[in-house]
Amino acid sequence: MKNIYLSVFSLMLVIGASSCNDLLEQSDPNAVTVDDYFKTENDIQLAVNGIYQSLRSSDAVGENSGLYTDERSDDTGTNDNQSNSGEPFQFNNFSLLPSNTWLKNHWNALYQTITRSNIVLSNIDNITFSDAENKAKLTAEAKFLRAYIYFQLVRKWGDVPLVTKQLKTTEEITMFTARVKKEEVYNQIVSDLKDVIASPLANLQTGANVGRVSKAAGNALLGQVYLTMATTLDQSGKAANLASAKTYLEAAYAMKTFGSLKEIPYTDVFDVAKKSTCPELIFQIVNKQGDLNYSSTIAATTQAKGETINSLKPSTGTGTNVTHDLVNDYEKGDLRKDFSIKYASDVTVQDWFITKFRDASTTAGVNGYGGNDWVLIRYADVILMLAEVNMYLGNDTQAITYLDMVRERAKMPAYAVSKLDASYSSKYPTLKLAILHERRVELAFEHHRWFDLLRTFTTQELMSYMQSKNQQDFGNAKLSNFSLKDRYYPIPFDENKLDPVKMYQNEGY
């Protein structure tokens, strides 16, 4: 993955992610302009590497971006309402303000990835390629990464500005400083991903190409997009969207290189030594163990004071705390609980923290330069989405078959057996809630939970679901703050003020 690490392009073309208005190229006498930069096939390659590089940021979708997903959900969340002016606390306290600078940074980082993708796609046809297949692959990679980020945006904000080309003039900037309906954004995502799966990309990437986009990733993401459209958009298209979701998720599943999920130990998915060969992994952000710039910090970051299970780097804080609501949601004997979380008994902590991401090797050392890759798509996720799709289609038998694949790997009883248990059937009275539960414990802390909640419940249902939980399981964050507005984030204040009409604020903010 050296080519993705060495993203020289990312240093030369940081041109416009700070706001919609910054999508215009800036005049810097010490910088190389876009028009002057692209000369060779290798220039495009470096530019695509720059798109990948932008994903790594904790303000984008990197390993430490849980503030924008898991901390918004019922899985994790800080109890510190003082540090950083209390702004991080606003996310899980459901008191988020449009002026929140962390929110603005997230918006900016996501649009930076889109900007980089658009620059590549707007210039690639101007370059002569010796290998037409390589051009097609790089085009597909740029389109996948653009679609991946727009999928983040549309689920978090709803209507958002849709830009699919390099913007060069102030007139173009003005034109695109406007939100478009979420249905239009979804249409663009679908179009990009269909191009990805029609491309000559490999079904799955191996060796030095691990971390690059594959057809399996394209199919898996497109299946998830259709599943989300089926449950969150106009219900007149639900049946067609579910059918499409099933088609693409099954296509991704058919590309697997293993027999059954139980062949892959759960711990292998997160084993630093097996990250480049684990057949469950579909798409990941690659990190380099021991490297100052490209290592992973999540093992050290999540570790609590007095603990050494994650990293050799001493911790002085509470690590990443886990809500007691999630702790209580693990079934008795679930091996995923013992691997994923631990109780820290240090007198200054005395709470649960995340242990799912570990690198206590001497190579990572006391600086915590871990080798954990950040997994964005894996097969257990695909399998559980297939369970979800089949459940919505009324194919409960097939849905349960998929659900049991994941439960079997975790050494849990089959769904039919668990349903006979009064505690289980009381907590998860429907197959829909059983699948949601399984996704929660299987994919905990992988930044899926908030999106799963948005996809599973209507806004009114989600508010009732959150407010029905036990406040004592959430510390300082007040569940009573959750209201209908909290399905979406507010448009950052600096974006809204550019054009209050075209960049209208979400309701309730």
Protein backbone atom coordinates (compact mmCIF):
# COMPACT_ATOMS: atom_id res chain seq x y z
CA MET A 1 0.00 0.00 0.00
CA LYS A 2 3.01 2.30 -0.36
CA ASN A 3 1.32 4.13 -3.21
CA ILE A 4 -1.53 5.26 -0.98
CA TYR A 5 0.80 6.31 1.83
CA LEU A 6 2.88 8.51 -0.50
CA SER A 7 0.13 10.86 -1.56
CA VAL A 8 2.23 13.80 -2.75
CA PHE A 9 -0.82 15.13 -4.55
CA SER A 10 -2.64 15.65 -1.28
CA LEU A 11 0.01 18.16 -0.22
CA MET A 12 -0.23 20.16 -3.41
CA LEU A 13 -3.97 20.35 -3.92
CA VAL A 14 -5.73 21.11 -0.68
CA ILE A 15 -8.03 23.43 -2.54
CA GLY A 16 -11.41 23.93 -1.23
CA ALA A 17 -12.85 21.89 1.49
CA SER A 18 -13.25 24.60 4.09
CA SER A 19 -16.65 25.63 2.76
CA CYS A 20 -18.78 25.47 -0.34
CA ASN A 21 -17.29 28.82 -1.27
CA ASP A 22 -13.78 27.40 -1.08
CA LEU A 23 -14.33 24.88 -3.86
CA LEU A 24 -12.72 27.48 -6.12
CA GLU A 25 -8.99 27.07 -6.71
CA GLN A 26 -6.93 29.58 -4.75
CA SER A 27 -4.03 31.63 -6.16
CA ASP A 28 -0.83 30.67 -4.39
CA PRO A 29 2.48 31.49 -6.11
CA ASN A 30 4.13 28.58 -4.31
CA ALA A 31 1.52 26.02 -5.32
CA VAL A 32 1.08 23.94 -8.45
CA THR A 33 -2.29 24.67 -10.05
CA VAL A 34 -4.57 21.88 -11.14
CA ASP A 35 -4.37 22.87 -14.81
CA ASP A 36 -0.56 22.75 -14.70
CA TYR A 37 -0.30 19.61 -12.60
CA PHE A 38 -1.89 16.87 -14.70
CA LYS A 39 0.56 15.78 -17.38
CA THR A 40 0.96 12.01 -17.05
CA GLU A 41 -0.82 8.83 -16.09
CA ASN A 42 1.20 8.80 -12.87
CA ASP A 43 -0.14 12.24 -11.97
CA ILE A 44 -3.65 10.79 -12.01
CA GLN A 45 -2.48 7.85 -9.90
CA LEU A 46 -1.06 10.21 -7.28
CA ALA A 47 -4.25 12.26 -7.36
CA VAL A 48 -6.37 9.18 -6.67
CA ASN A 49 -4.02 8.31 -3.81
CA GLY A 50 -4.75 11.79 -2.48
CA ILE A 51 -8.47 10.96 -2.36
CA TYR A 52 -7.76 7.85 -0.30
CA GLN A 53 -5.50 9.88 1.98
CA SER A 54 -8.31 12.31 2.77
CA LEU A 55 -10.43 9.49 4.25
CA ARG A 56 -7.93 8.97 7.06
CA SER A 57 -8.75 12.17 8.93
CA SER A 58 -10.59 11.98 12.24
CA ASP A 59 -12.73 14.77 10.81
CA ALA A 60 -13.65 12.55 7.84
CA VAL A 61 -14.28 8.80 8.16
CA GLY A 62 -11.02 7.64 9.73
CA GLU A 63 -10.71 5.43 12.78
CA ASN A 64 -11.08 8.32 15.23
CA SER A 65 -14.20 9.83 13.63
CA GLY A 66 -16.57 8.11 16.05
CA LEU A 67 -17.76 11.45 17.37
CA TYR A 68 -19.92 11.81 14.26
CA THR A 69 -21.41 8.32 14.40
CA ASP A 70 -21.02 6.11 17.48
CA GLU A 71 -21.12 9.00 19.95
CA ARG A 72 -24.32 10.17 18.30
CA SER A 73 -25.83 6.76 18.95
CA ASP A 74 -26.46 4.75 22.11
CA ASP A 75 -23.09 2.94 22.06
CA THR A 76 -20.49 5.44 23.23
CA GLY A 77 -20.22 9.07 24.24
CA THR A 78 -18.17 11.39 26.38
CA ASN A 79 -19.42 12.43 29.80
CA ASP A 80 -17.10 15.43 29.74
CA ASN A 81 -19.20 18.49 29.08
CA GLN A 82 -16.36 20.92 29.80
CA SER A 83 -13.39 20.17 27.52
CA ASN A 84 -13.19 21.79 24.08
CA SER A 85 -15.87 24.25 25.20
CA GLY A 86 -18.23 21.31 25.57
CA GLU A 87 -18.63 21.01 21.79
CA PRO A 88 -17.94 17.24 21.50
CA PHE A 89 -20.46 16.64 24.27
CA GLN A 90 -23.17 18.29 22.17
CA PHE A 91 -23.25 15.29 19.81
CA ASN A 92 -24.31 12.64 22.31
CA ASN A 93 -26.22 15.09 24.48
CA PHE A 94 -28.43 15.95 21.48
CA SER A 95 -27.76 19.63 22.00
CA LEU A 96 -25.83 20.22 18.79
CA LEU A 97 -25.58 23.82 17.61
CA PRO A 98 -25.04 24.96 14.00
CA SER A 99 -22.02 26.93 15.25
CA ASN A 100 -20.28 23.78 16.55
CA THR A 101 -16.74 23.87 15.13
CA TRP A 102 -16.37 20.08 15.18
CA LEU A 103 -19.48 19.80 13.02
CA LYS A 104 -18.04 22.33 10.59
CA ASN A 105 -14.73 20.44 10.46
CA HIS A 106 -16.58 17.24 9.61
CA TRP A 107 -18.55 18.90 6.81
CA ASN A 108 -15.35 20.42 5.43
CA ALA A 109 -13.41 17.16 5.54
CA LEU A 110 -16.14 15.26 3.70
CA TYR A 111 -16.33 17.86 0.98
CA GLN A 112 -12.56 17.84 0.68
CA THR A 113 -12.75 14.19 -0.38
CA ILE A 114 -15.47 15.05 -2.90
CA THR A 115 -13.39 17.96 -4.23
CA ARG A 116 -10.41 15.68 -4.77
CA SER A 117 -12.58 13.10 -6.49
CA ASN A 118 -14.08 15.73 -8.78
CA ILE A 119 -10.64 17.07 -9.72
CA VAL A 120 -9.57 13.60 -10.82
CA LEU A 121 -12.75 12.91 -12.75
CA SER A 122 -12.65 16.33 -14.44
CA ASN A 123 -9.07 15.89 -15.64
CA ILE A 124 -8.60 12.20 -16.32
CA ASP A 125 -9.89 12.39 -19.90
CA ASN A 126 -7.24 14.99 -20.72
CA ILE A 127 -4.42 12.52 -20.09
CA THR A 128 -3.19 9.88 -22.51
CA PHE A 129 -3.07 6.47 -20.85
CA SER A 130 -0.87 3.65 -22.11
CA ASP A 131 -3.27 1.24 -20.41
CA ALA A 132 -6.97 1.94 -20.94
CA GLU A 133 -7.89 -0.55 -18.23
CA ASN A 134 -5.86 1.37 -15.68
CA LYS A 135 -7.72 4.54 -16.61
CA ALA A 136 -11.04 2.76 -16.11
CA LYS A 137 -9.93 1.43 -12.72
CA LEU A 138 -8.79 4.83 -11.47
CA THR A 139 -12.04 6.38 -12.67
CA ALA A 140 -14.01 3.74 -10.79
CA GLU A 141 -12.00 4.29 -7.61
CA ALA A 142 -12.64 8.04 -7.70
CA LYS A 143 -16.37 7.47 -8.28
CA PHE A 144 -16.62 4.97 -5.43
CA LEU A 145 -14.91 7.34 -2.99
CA ARG A 146 -17.17 10.20 -4.06
CA ALA A 147 -20.24 8.01 -3.64
CA TYR A 148 -19.06 6.75 -0.25
CA ILE A 149 -18.76 10.30 1.05
CA TYR A 150 -22.04 11.52 -0.43
CA PHE A 151 -23.68 8.57 1.31
CA GLN A 152 -22.21 9.87 4.57
CA LEU A 153 -23.48 13.36 3.86
CA VAL A 154 -27.02 12.53 2.76
CA ARG A 155 -27.68 10.36 5.81
CA LYS A 156 -26.34 12.95 8.24
CA TRP A 157 -27.76 16.13 6.72
CA GLY A 158 -30.45 15.09 4.23
CA ASP A 159 -30.44 17.63 1.40
CA VAL A 160 -26.85 18.72 0.64
CA PRO A 161 -24.97 20.54 -2.15
CA LEU A 162 -24.28 18.14 -5.01
CA VAL A 163 -21.07 18.89 -6.92
CA THR A 164 -19.76 16.41 -9.50
CA LYS A 165 -17.13 18.46 -11.32
CA GLN A 166 -14.16 20.69 -10.65
CA LEU A 167 -15.38 24.23 -10.04
CA LYS A 168 -13.27 27.01 -11.57
CA THR A 169 -15.23 30.25 -11.50
CA THR A 170 -17.06 32.32 -8.92
CA GLU A 171 -20.22 31.89 -10.99
CA GLU A 172 -19.94 28.12 -10.67
CA ILE A 173 -19.34 28.44 -6.95
CA THR A 174 -22.47 30.53 -6.55
CA MET A 175 -24.48 28.07 -8.61
CA PHE A 176 -23.45 25.06 -6.53
CA THR A 177 -23.78 26.76 -3.15
CA ALA A 178 -27.21 25.27 -2.77
CA ARG A 179 -28.74 22.19 -1.22
CA VAL A 180 -30.50 19.72 -3.51
CA LYS A 181 -33.09 17.17 -2.50
CA LYS A 182 -31.74 14.00 -0.96
CA GLU A 183 -33.36 11.91 -3.70
CA GLU A 184 -31.12 13.62 -6.26
CA VAL A 185 -28.07 12.90 -4.13
CA TYR A 186 -29.04 9.24 -3.91
CA ASN A 187 -29.46 9.10 -7.69
CA GLN A 188 -25.89 10.33 -8.12
CA ILE A 189 -24.59 7.81 -5.59
CA VAL A 190 -26.34 4.98 -7.42
CA SER A 191 -25.02 6.16 -10.79
CA ASP A 192 -21.43 6.29 -9.53
CA LEU A 193 -21.61 2.88 -7.90
CA LYS A 194 -23.13 1.22 -10.96
CA ASP A 195 -20.12 2.50 -12.90
CA VAL A 196 -17.87 0.98 -10.25
CA ILE A 197 -19.34 -2.50 -10.52
CA ALA A 198 -19.24 -2.32 -14.33
CA SER A 199 -15.54 -1.45 -14.25
CA PRO A 200 -12.53 -3.79 -14.64
CA LEU A 201 -11.69 -3.57 -10.93
CA ALA A 202 -10.83 -6.83 -9.18
CA ASN A 203 -13.62 -8.58 -7.30
CA LEU A 204 -11.50 -8.30 -4.15
CA GLN A 205 -8.14 -6.63 -3.68
CA THR A 206 -5.12 -8.60 -2.46
CA GLY A 207 -1.46 -8.06 -1.68
CA ALA A 208 -0.17 -4.55 -2.30
CA ASN A 209 -3.64 -3.45 -3.47
CA VAL A 210 -5.38 -4.13 -0.16
CA GLY A 211 -7.06 -0.88 0.79
CA ARG A 212 -8.11 0.01 -2.74
CA VAL A 213 -11.68 -0.19 -4.02
CA SER A 214 -12.97 -3.49 -5.41
CA LYS A 215 -16.13 -4.70 -7.13
CA ALA A 216 -17.18 -6.42 -3.91
CA ALA A 217 -16.95 -3.06 -2.13
CA GLY A 218 -18.98 -1.43 -4.91
CA ASN A 219 -21.71 -4.05 -4.72
CA ALA A 220 -21.81 -4.02 -0.92
CA LEU A 221 -22.10 -0.25 -0.74
CA LEU A 222 -24.70 -0.10 -3.50
CA GLY A 223 -26.73 -2.74 -1.70
CA GLN A 224 -26.61 -0.70 1.48
CA VAL A 225 -27.60 2.44 -0.42
CA TYR A 226 -30.67 0.74 -1.89
CA LEU A 227 -31.56 -0.71 1.52
CA THR A 228 -31.37 2.77 3.04
CA MET A 229 -33.44 4.24 0.23
CA ALA A 230 -36.06 1.54 0.75
CA THR A 231 -36.59 2.41 4.39
CA THR A 232 -36.02 6.19 4.44
CA LEU A 233 -37.33 7.58 1.14
CA ASP A 234 -40.80 7.64 -0.45
CA GLN A 235 -42.31 4.25 0.29
CA SER A 236 -43.73 3.97 -3.24
CA GLY A 237 -40.29 2.79 -4.32
CA LYS A 238 -39.69 0.48 -1.38
CA ALA A 239 -40.26 -2.84 -3.16
CA ALA A 240 -38.01 -1.95 -6.10
CA ASN A 241 -35.29 -0.63 -3.82
CA LEU A 242 -35.40 -3.76 -1.66
CA ALA A 243 -35.13 -5.95 -4.74
CA SER A 244 -32.11 -3.98 -5.92
CA ALA A 245 -30.54 -4.12 -2.45
CA LYS A 246 -30.89 -7.90 -2.44
CA THR A 247 -29.36 -8.18 -5.92
CA TYR A 248 -26.23 -6.18 -5.12
CA LEU A 249 -25.69 -7.56 -1.63
CA GLU A 250 -25.95 -11.10 -3.01
CA ALA A 251 -23.43 -10.14 -5.71
CA ALA A 252 -21.01 -8.93 -3.05
CA TYR A 253 -21.56 -12.09 -1.02
CA ALA A 254 -20.93 -14.28 -4.05
CA MET A 255 -17.47 -12.76 -4.38
CA LYS A 256 -16.28 -14.02 -0.99
CA THR A 257 -13.28 -16.35 -0.95
CA PHE A 258 -14.23 -18.31 2.18
CA GLY A 259 -16.79 -21.03 2.77
CA SER A 260 -18.80 -19.99 5.82
CA LEU A 261 -18.31 -17.13 8.24
CA LYS A 262 -17.61 -19.47 11.15
CA GLU A 263 -14.34 -20.42 9.46
CA ILE A 264 -13.00 -16.96 10.33
CA PRO A 265 -12.49 -16.36 14.06
CA TYR A 266 -13.99 -13.05 15.18
CA THR A 267 -10.64 -11.97 16.56
CA ASP A 268 -8.98 -12.44 13.15
CA VAL A 269 -10.95 -9.51 11.78
CA PHE A 270 -9.05 -7.18 14.11
CA ASP A 271 -5.71 -9.03 14.28
CA VAL A 272 -2.94 -6.72 13.08
CA ALA A 273 -0.93 -9.72 11.87
CA LYS A 274 -3.80 -10.94 9.67
CA LYS A 275 -5.22 -7.68 8.36
CA SER A 276 -3.88 -8.15 4.82
CA THR A 277 -5.07 -11.75 4.50
CA CYS A 278 -8.33 -11.97 6.47
CA PRO A 279 -10.94 -12.98 3.87
CA GLU A 280 -13.76 -11.22 5.72
CA LEU A 281 -12.38 -7.76 4.97
CA ILE A 282 -13.73 -6.01 1.88
CA PHE A 283 -12.59 -2.39 2.20
CA GLN A 284 -10.26 -0.84 4.74
CA ILE A 285 -8.05 2.17 5.41
CA VAL A 286 -4.55 0.75 5.64
CA ASN A 287 -2.21 1.80 8.44
CA LYS A 288 1.47 1.08 8.91
CA GLN A 289 2.66 -0.26 12.23
CA GLY A 290 5.43 1.76 13.86
CA ASP A 291 5.19 4.61 11.37
CA LEU A 292 4.92 8.13 12.80
CA ASN A 293 2.66 9.44 10.03
CA TYR A 294 0.66 6.43 8.86
CA SER A 295 0.20 4.31 11.96
CA SER A 296 -3.06 3.70 13.79
CA THR A 297 -3.74 5.39 17.12
CA ILE A 298 -7.08 3.81 17.95
CA ALA A 299 -5.73 1.06 20.22
CA ALA A 300 -4.00 3.60 22.45
CA THR A 301 -6.78 6.17 22.20
CA THR A 302 -9.52 3.79 23.36
CA GLN A 303 -7.49 2.37 26.28
CA ALA A 304 -8.29 3.42 29.85
CA LYS A 305 -5.85 4.36 32.58
CA GLY A 306 -4.19 1.41 34.31
CA GLU A 307 -4.78 -0.95 31.36
CA THR A 308 -2.33 -2.53 28.92
CA ILE A 309 -4.60 -4.80 26.87
CA ASN A 310 -4.80 -2.43 23.89
CA SER A 311 -1.42 -0.76 23.73
CA LEU A 312 1.94 -0.32 25.43
CA LYS A 313 1.29 3.42 25.44
CA PRO A 314 0.28 4.40 28.99
CA SER A 315 -3.14 5.99 29.25
CA THR A 316 -3.92 8.80 31.65
CA GLY A 317 -7.63 9.07 30.89
CA THR A 318 -10.80 7.03 30.67
CA GLY A 319 -10.21 5.90 27.09
CA THR A 320 -13.33 5.58 24.99
CA ASN A 321 -16.15 4.80 27.36
CA VAL A 322 -18.97 2.42 26.51
CA THR A 323 -22.57 3.11 27.51
CA HIS A 324 -24.02 0.68 30.00
CA ASP A 325 -26.92 0.40 27.58
CA LEU A 326 -24.63 -1.42 25.16
CA VAL A 327 -22.92 -3.41 27.91
CA ASN A 328 -26.32 -4.72 28.96
CA ASP A 329 -27.24 -5.57 25.38
CA TYR A 330 -24.62 -8.32 25.08
CA GLU A 331 -26.14 -11.74 25.67
CA LYS A 332 -24.65 -14.03 28.29
CA GLY A 333 -21.70 -15.94 26.88
CA ASP A 334 -21.24 -13.71 23.82
CA LEU A 335 -17.51 -13.97 23.06
CA ARG A 336 -17.69 -10.62 21.28
CA LYS A 337 -18.26 -8.88 24.61
CA ASP A 338 -15.07 -10.20 26.19
CA PHE A 339 -13.07 -9.21 23.14
CA SER A 340 -14.68 -5.82 22.51
CA ILE A 341 -15.03 -4.23 25.94
CA LYS A 342 -13.49 -4.41 29.40
CA TYR A 343 -14.14 -2.86 32.80
CA ALA A 344 -11.34 -0.58 33.95
CA SER A 345 -11.00 -0.75 37.72
CA ASP A 346 -8.64 2.19 38.14
CA VAL A 347 -10.08 4.46 40.80
CA THR A 348 -10.23 7.37 38.34
CA VAL A 349 -12.07 5.32 35.71
CA GLN A 350 -14.19 2.47 37.05
CA ASP A 351 -16.11 2.10 33.83
CA TRP A 352 -16.20 0.13 30.60
CA PHE A 353 -13.88 0.98 27.72
CA ILE A 354 -13.25 -0.36 24.20
CA THR A 355 -10.75 -3.19 23.70
CA LYS A 356 -11.76 -4.24 20.18
CA PHE A 357 -8.75 -2.56 18.58
CA ARG A 358 -5.44 -3.81 19.91
CA ASP A 359 -1.76 -3.52 19.13
CA ALA A 360 0.39 -4.03 22.20
CA SER A 361 3.39 -5.08 20.11
CA THR A 362 6.89 -3.76 20.68
CA THR A 363 6.82 -2.36 17.13
CA ALA A 364 3.88 -0.16 18.02
CA GLY A 365 5.74 0.59 21.24
CA VAL A 366 5.10 3.06 24.01
CA ASN A 367 4.15 5.72 21.46
CA GLY A 368 1.17 3.64 20.36
CA TYR A 369 2.05 3.61 16.65
CA GLY A 370 -0.32 0.73 15.94
CA GLY A 371 -0.87 -1.27 12.80
CA ASN A 372 -4.66 -1.61 13.01
CA ASP A 373 -6.37 -1.07 9.67
CA TRP A 374 -9.68 0.77 9.84
CA VAL A 375 -12.30 -1.58 8.41
CA LEU A 376 -15.07 0.17 6.49
CA ILE A 377 -16.83 -2.83 4.89
CA ARG A 378 -16.67 -6.51 5.89
CA TYR A 379 -18.69 -9.62 5.17
CA ALA A 380 -20.51 -9.90 8.51
CA ASP A 381 -21.99 -6.49 7.69
CA VAL A 382 -23.07 -7.75 4.25
CA ILE A 383 -24.57 -10.92 5.73
CA LEU A 384 -26.60 -9.01 8.29
CA MET A 385 -27.82 -6.60 5.61
CA LEU A 386 -28.96 -9.63 3.62
CA ALA A 387 -30.85 -10.75 6.72
CA GLU A 388 -32.43 -7.31 6.93
CA VAL A 389 -33.41 -7.18 3.25
CA ASN A 390 -34.96 -10.63 3.31
CA MET A 391 -36.87 -9.75 6.48
CA TYR A 392 -38.36 -6.69 4.77
CA LEU A 393 -39.21 -8.82 1.72
CA GLY A 394 -41.07 -11.28 3.92
CA ASN A 395 -38.49 -14.05 3.48
CA ASP A 396 -38.09 -14.68 7.21
CA THR A 397 -36.62 -18.16 6.79
CA GLN A 398 -33.80 -16.85 4.60
CA ALA A 399 -33.34 -13.84 6.87
CA ILE A 400 -32.89 -16.10 9.89
CA THR A 401 -30.41 -18.24 7.96
CA TYR A 402 -28.21 -15.18 7.43
CA LEU A 403 -28.71 -14.02 11.01
CA ASP A 404 -27.63 -17.42 12.32
CA MET A 405 -24.42 -17.32 10.27
CA VAL A 406 -23.23 -14.44 12.42
CA ARG A 407 -24.58 -15.86 15.68
CA GLU A 408 -22.94 -19.23 15.02
CA ARG A 409 -19.54 -17.60 14.58
CA ALA A 410 -20.03 -15.87 17.94
CA LYS A 411 -20.96 -19.22 19.58
CA MET A 412 -24.46 -17.96 20.26
CA PRO A 413 -27.62 -20.12 20.05
CA ALA A 414 -29.57 -20.11 16.81
CA TYR A 415 -32.34 -17.53 16.59
CA ALA A 416 -35.09 -20.18 16.94
CA VAL A 417 -33.52 -21.38 20.18
CA SER A 418 -32.93 -17.88 21.54
CA LYS A 419 -36.55 -16.97 20.85
CA LEU A 420 -37.54 -19.57 23.46
CA ASP A 421 -35.60 -17.61 26.08
CA ALA A 422 -37.93 -15.19 27.85
CA SER A 423 -35.27 -12.50 28.28
CA TYR A 424 -34.24 -12.55 24.62
CA SER A 425 -37.79 -12.62 23.27
CA SER A 426 -38.76 -9.79 25.59
CA LYS A 427 -35.90 -7.53 24.50
CA TYR A 428 -36.17 -8.44 20.79
CA PRO A 429 -39.80 -9.40 20.19
CA THR A 430 -39.49 -9.08 16.41
CA LEU A 431 -37.02 -10.36 13.85
CA LYS A 432 -36.36 -6.75 12.90
CA LEU A 433 -35.19 -5.91 16.43
CA ALA A 434 -33.19 -9.14 16.63
CA ILE A 435 -31.26 -8.18 13.50
CA LEU A 436 -30.70 -4.66 14.82
CA HIS A 437 -29.37 -6.15 18.06
CA GLU A 438 -27.05 -8.50 16.19
CA ARG A 439 -25.65 -5.66 14.13
CA ARG A 440 -25.06 -3.70 17.31
CA VAL A 441 -22.94 -6.32 19.06
CA GLU A 442 -21.23 -7.63 15.93
CA LEU A 443 -20.25 -4.24 14.50
CA ALA A 444 -19.86 -2.29 17.75
CA PHE A 445 -17.54 0.73 17.50
CA GLU A 446 -17.11 0.34 13.74
CA HIS A 447 -19.24 3.44 13.13
CA HIS A 448 -22.38 1.67 11.89
CA ARG A 449 -24.77 2.02 14.81
CA TRP A 450 -26.12 5.54 14.18
CA PHE A 451 -26.81 4.72 10.53
CA ASP A 452 -28.49 1.46 11.55
CA LEU A 453 -30.82 3.36 13.84
CA LEU A 454 -31.66 5.89 11.12
CA ARG A 455 -32.41 3.08 8.68
CA THR A 456 -34.48 1.00 11.11
CA PHE A 457 -36.78 3.62 12.60
CA THR A 458 -38.88 6.51 11.41
CA THR A 459 -38.02 9.79 13.10
CA GLN A 460 -40.90 9.46 15.57
CA GLU A 461 -39.98 5.84 16.30
CA LEU A 462 -36.34 6.77 16.81
CA MET A 463 -37.24 9.49 19.29
CA SER A 464 -39.43 7.06 21.23
CA TYR A 465 -36.72 4.38 21.09
CA MET A 466 -34.05 6.67 22.49
CA GLN A 467 -36.21 8.28 25.13
CA SER A 468 -37.43 4.89 26.38
CA LYS A 469 -33.94 3.89 27.46
CA ASN A 470 -32.66 4.09 31.04
CA GLN A 471 -31.07 7.49 31.67
CA GLN A 472 -28.70 5.95 34.25
CA ASP A 473 -27.03 3.99 31.43
CA PHE A 474 -25.95 7.19 29.67
CA GLY A 475 -24.18 9.28 32.30
CA ASN A 476 -24.37 13.03 31.78
CA ALA A 477 -25.87 12.88 28.29
CA LYS A 478 -29.61 13.55 28.56
CA LEU A 479 -31.84 11.26 26.52
CA SER A 480 -34.74 13.63 27.09
CA ASN A 481 -32.99 16.10 24.79
CA PHE A 482 -33.61 13.83 21.80
CA SER A 483 -36.31 15.35 19.61
CA LEU A 484 -37.56 15.09 16.05
CA LYS A 485 -34.85 17.46 14.81
CA ASP A 486 -32.07 15.05 15.82
CA ARG A 487 -32.50 12.74 12.87
CA TYR A 488 -30.29 15.19 10.96
CA TYR A 489 -27.40 17.41 11.87
CA PRO A 490 -27.78 21.16 11.50
CA ILE A 491 -26.19 22.77 8.46
CA PRO A 492 -23.01 24.43 9.79
CA PHE A 493 -23.60 28.10 10.47
CA ASP A 494 -20.87 29.29 8.09
CA GLU A 495 -22.48 27.34 5.26
CA ASN A 496 -26.01 28.50 6.02
CA LYS A 497 -25.02 32.16 6.08
CA LEU A 498 -23.52 31.94 2.56
CA ASP A 499 -27.07 31.82 1.23
CA PRO A 500 -29.80 31.32 3.87
CA VAL A 501 -32.32 30.53 1.13
CA LYS A 502 -30.39 27.99 -0.94
CA MET A 503 -28.46 26.67 2.07
CA TYR A 504 -31.59 26.50 4.23
CA GLN A 505 -31.27 25.18 7.76
CA ASN A 506 -32.66 21.83 8.85
CA GLU A 507 -35.89 22.01 10.80
CA GLY A 508 -35.59 22.57 14.52
CA TYR A 509 -32.19 24.30 14.54
